[in-house]
Amino acid sequence: MTGSTFPAASLGEVEARARACRLCTDLPLGPRPVLRVSATARLLIIGQAPGTKVHASGIPWDDPSGTRLRDWMGIGPDIFYDATRIAIVPMGLCYPGRLPRGGDAAPRQICAPQWHPPLLERMPALELTLLVGAYAQGRYLGRGPVAQHVRAFRRYAPHTLPLPHPSWRTMAWERANPWFALELLPVLRARVAELILPAPAARSPRR
């Protein structure tokens, strides 16, 4: 499916179709697509897939990983969840289940090819895409280790920034790679502030 499949459909109509998607009826908890889109959003976050908490709440990044991602970005929940500024479209819109040895399963491969093209092409204001984790980077940057893509972030800036997944599993990696906080995070926060934070009010001249 691409945008040309329903060329007259609005973003809202495509979003409604995505939320009603039932292609993966065999999912362990059943299908429940979680996404946020807006024609005015200037920043897009493409992560992996909802976890169990997000599946239950229907709120993307409603977990400790989301708290850490917002810290990396330098914003709070009020701005993060303002869909007029930030769109969130994961690689898999639904919770994919667990692996036998623990950890979440990979996003279903059918999902991103099905829904990303018609959704993203209807968001003309996008100026920055955050590719969070291996699955998003694999689709949009090509194969390669996450650390390699993240280390080469200047190659993709200012329109794209690759990030590791902000789960507890990457805390040790971040400590072992201090350049991430020293070099990448300032670029990320400056770009976020440039695109979505309100400009500071001008001070009136003193009399």
Protein backbone atom coordinates (compact mmCIF):
# COMPACT_ATOMS: atom_id res chain seq x y z
CA MET A 1 0.00 0.00 0.00
CA THR A 2 1.22 3.47 -0.82
CA GLY A 3 -0.38 6.87 -0.90
CA SER A 4 -1.38 6.28 -4.53
CA THR A 5 -3.71 3.48 -3.36
CA PHE A 6 -6.10 6.15 -2.09
CA PRO A 7 -4.82 9.44 -3.54
CA ALA A 8 -7.85 11.45 -2.44
CA ALA A 9 -7.67 10.38 1.20
CA SER A 10 -6.66 12.94 3.81
CA LEU A 11 -4.11 12.31 6.53
CA GLY A 12 -6.95 11.86 9.00
CA GLU A 13 -8.58 9.25 6.80
CA VAL A 14 -5.32 7.32 6.38
CA GLU A 15 -4.72 7.52 10.13
CA ALA A 16 -8.18 6.11 10.76
CA ARG A 17 -7.46 3.22 8.40
CA ALA A 18 -4.16 2.56 10.16
CA ARG A 19 -5.83 2.54 13.57
CA ALA A 20 -8.42 0.10 12.25
CA CYS A 21 -5.78 -2.19 10.72
CA ARG A 22 -6.35 -5.87 11.48
CA LEU A 23 -3.73 -7.47 9.26
CA CYS A 24 -2.08 -9.17 12.23
CA THR A 25 -4.99 -10.76 14.05
CA ASP A 26 -2.68 -13.42 15.49
CA LEU A 27 -0.80 -11.00 17.74
CA PRO A 28 -0.62 -12.25 21.36
CA LEU A 29 -2.64 -9.33 22.73
CA GLY A 30 -4.52 -8.64 19.53
CA PRO A 31 -4.06 -5.65 17.23
CA ARG A 32 -4.06 -2.19 18.76
CA PRO A 33 -2.22 0.29 16.53
CA VAL A 34 -0.58 3.15 18.44
CA LEU A 35 0.52 6.25 16.53
CA ARG A 36 0.22 10.01 16.42
CA VAL A 37 0.29 12.06 13.23
CA SER A 38 -0.38 15.64 12.18
CA ALA A 39 -0.02 17.67 9.01
CA THR A 40 1.72 20.38 11.05
CA ALA A 41 4.24 18.18 12.89
CA ARG A 42 7.83 19.18 12.22
CA LEU A 43 9.46 16.28 14.04
CA LEU A 44 8.83 12.56 13.50
CA ILE A 45 9.88 9.77 15.86
CA ILE A 46 10.18 6.29 14.35
CA GLY A 47 10.85 3.73 17.04
CA GLN A 48 10.40 -0.02 17.29
CA ALA A 49 6.90 -1.05 18.42
CA PRO A 50 4.67 -0.57 21.47
CA GLY A 51 5.44 -2.54 24.60
CA THR A 52 2.82 -4.01 26.91
CA LYS A 53 2.35 -0.78 28.88
CA VAL A 54 1.87 1.26 25.72
CA HIS A 55 -0.48 -1.39 24.35
CA ALA A 56 -2.57 -1.05 27.52
CA SER A 57 -2.63 2.76 27.62
CA GLY A 58 -2.63 3.53 23.90
CA ILE A 59 -0.11 6.31 24.61
CA PRO A 60 3.18 6.03 22.69
CA TRP A 61 6.39 5.96 24.72
CA ASP A 62 4.35 5.77 27.93
CA ASP A 63 7.10 3.92 29.80
CA PRO A 64 10.59 4.46 31.25
CA SER A 65 12.09 4.38 27.76
CA GLY A 66 9.89 7.33 26.85
CA THR A 67 11.04 9.23 29.93
CA ARG A 68 14.64 8.70 28.89
CA LEU A 69 13.95 9.68 25.28
CA ARG A 70 12.32 12.92 26.42
CA ASP A 71 15.35 13.62 28.58
CA TRP A 72 17.61 13.12 25.58
CA MET A 73 15.44 15.54 23.61
CA GLY A 74 15.31 18.09 26.42
CA ILE A 75 11.50 18.35 26.51
CA GLY A 76 8.68 17.38 28.82
CA PRO A 77 5.54 15.32 28.21
CA ASP A 78 3.42 18.39 27.39
CA ILE A 79 5.46 19.13 24.28
CA PHE A 80 6.29 15.50 23.49
CA TYR A 81 2.61 14.59 23.28
CA ASP A 82 1.57 17.65 21.29
CA ALA A 83 0.77 15.97 17.99
CA THR A 84 0.69 19.32 16.21
CA ARG A 85 4.45 19.44 16.78
CA ILE A 86 5.64 15.82 17.09
CA ALA A 87 4.44 12.79 15.11
CA ILE A 88 5.10 9.24 16.32
CA VAL A 89 4.92 6.35 13.86
CA PRO A 90 6.78 3.21 15.00
CA MET A 91 8.06 0.45 12.74
CA GLY A 92 5.33 -1.78 14.11
CA LEU A 93 2.11 -0.08 15.14
CA CYS A 94 1.08 -2.94 17.46
CA TYR A 95 2.68 -4.84 20.31
CA PRO A 96 4.44 -7.80 18.64
CA GLY A 97 4.67 -10.15 21.62
CA ARG A 98 7.62 -11.64 23.50
CA LEU A 99 10.54 -13.77 22.44
CA PRO A 100 10.86 -17.22 24.03
CA ARG A 101 14.01 -16.17 25.89
CA GLY A 102 12.71 -12.77 26.90
CA GLY A 103 12.52 -9.35 25.33
CA ASP A 104 10.00 -8.05 22.82
CA ALA A 105 9.71 -9.68 19.42
CA ALA A 106 10.63 -7.77 16.27
CA PRO A 107 8.00 -5.52 14.69
CA ARG A 108 5.94 -7.31 12.07
CA GLN A 109 7.65 -6.80 8.70
CA ILE A 110 4.38 -6.04 6.93
CA CYS A 111 3.62 -2.96 9.01
CA ALA A 112 6.09 -0.25 7.96
CA PRO A 113 5.81 -0.92 4.20
CA GLN A 114 2.03 -0.89 4.58
CA TRP A 115 1.58 2.32 6.55
CA HIS A 116 4.71 4.50 6.52
CA PRO A 117 4.47 5.68 2.89
CA PRO A 118 0.83 6.88 2.98
CA LEU A 119 1.25 8.47 6.41
CA LEU A 120 4.63 10.15 5.95
CA GLU A 121 3.87 11.62 2.54
CA ARG A 122 0.87 13.38 4.08
CA MET A 123 3.02 15.17 6.66
CA PRO A 124 4.67 17.88 4.55
CA ALA A 125 5.98 19.95 7.46
CA LEU A 126 8.43 17.31 8.72
CA GLU A 127 11.99 18.61 9.02
CA LEU A 128 13.58 16.13 11.41
CA THR A 129 13.16 12.37 11.80
CA LEU A 130 14.55 10.51 14.81
CA LEU A 131 15.34 6.90 13.94
CA VAL A 132 15.31 5.16 17.30
CA GLY A 133 16.85 1.70 17.34
CA ALA A 134 17.95 -0.95 14.89
CA TYR A 135 14.70 -1.58 13.04
CA ALA A 136 14.07 2.04 12.09
CA GLN A 137 17.70 2.56 11.11
CA GLY A 138 17.74 -0.64 9.09
CA ARG A 139 14.79 0.50 6.99
CA TYR A 140 15.84 4.10 6.42
CA LEU A 141 19.65 4.04 6.65
CA GLY A 142 20.46 0.51 5.54
CA ARG A 143 22.06 -2.39 7.33
CA GLY A 144 24.68 -1.83 9.98
CA PRO A 145 25.11 -1.82 13.75
CA VAL A 146 23.18 0.78 15.70
CA ALA A 147 26.41 2.11 17.23
CA GLN A 148 27.84 2.64 13.75
CA HIS A 149 24.82 4.61 12.56
CA VAL A 150 24.67 6.66 15.75
CA ARG A 151 28.39 7.44 15.65
CA ALA A 152 27.95 8.75 12.10
CA PHE A 153 25.08 11.05 13.09
CA ARG A 154 26.66 14.09 11.41
CA ARG A 155 26.32 12.33 8.07
CA TYR A 156 22.54 12.31 8.42
CA ALA A 157 21.93 15.62 10.20
CA PRO A 158 20.11 17.98 10.16
CA HIS A 159 17.09 16.17 8.71
CA THR A 160 17.70 12.75 10.30
CA LEU A 161 19.27 11.70 13.58
CA PRO A 162 19.83 8.03 14.53
CA LEU A 163 19.55 7.17 18.22
CA PRO A 164 19.99 3.99 20.23
CA HIS A 165 16.85 2.66 21.86
CA PRO A 166 16.51 4.46 25.21
CA SER A 167 15.83 1.32 27.23
CA TRP A 168 17.74 0.32 30.36
CA ARG A 169 19.79 -2.02 28.17
CA THR A 170 21.62 0.92 26.59
CA MET A 171 22.60 2.62 29.85
CA ALA A 172 25.90 0.75 29.98
CA TRP A 173 26.54 1.58 26.32
CA GLU A 174 25.94 5.27 26.99
CA ARG A 175 28.37 5.23 29.93
CA ALA A 176 30.97 3.53 27.73
CA ASN A 177 30.46 6.10 24.95
CA PRO A 178 30.64 9.54 26.56
CA TRP A 179 30.74 11.18 23.11
CA PHE A 180 27.00 10.45 22.86
CA ALA A 181 26.17 12.92 25.63
CA LEU A 182 28.95 15.34 24.71
CA GLU A 183 28.49 15.45 20.94
CA LEU A 184 25.15 14.05 19.79
CA LEU A 185 22.75 15.14 22.53
CA PRO A 186 23.60 18.86 22.19
CA VAL A 187 22.88 18.60 18.46
CA LEU A 188 19.62 16.78 19.13
CA ARG A 189 18.43 19.24 21.77
CA ALA A 190 19.37 22.27 19.69
CA ARG A 191 17.51 20.91 16.68
CA VAL A 192 14.45 20.04 18.77
CA ALA A 193 14.45 23.51 20.30
CA GLU A 194 14.80 25.09 16.87
CA LEU A 195 11.87 23.19 15.41
CA ILE A 196 9.28 22.78 18.13
CA LEU A 197 9.97 24.94 21.17
CA PRO A 198 8.31 28.34 21.29
CA ALA A 199 10.62 31.26 20.75
CA PRO A 200 11.43 33.16 23.95
CA ALA A 201 9.35 36.25 24.39
CA ALA A 202 11.16 39.44 23.54
CA ARG A 203 11.88 41.64 26.52
CA SER A 204 10.39 45.08 26.45
CA PRO A 205 13.00 47.86 26.71
CA ARG A 206 13.49 49.37 30.13
CA ARG A 207 12.20 52.86 30.61
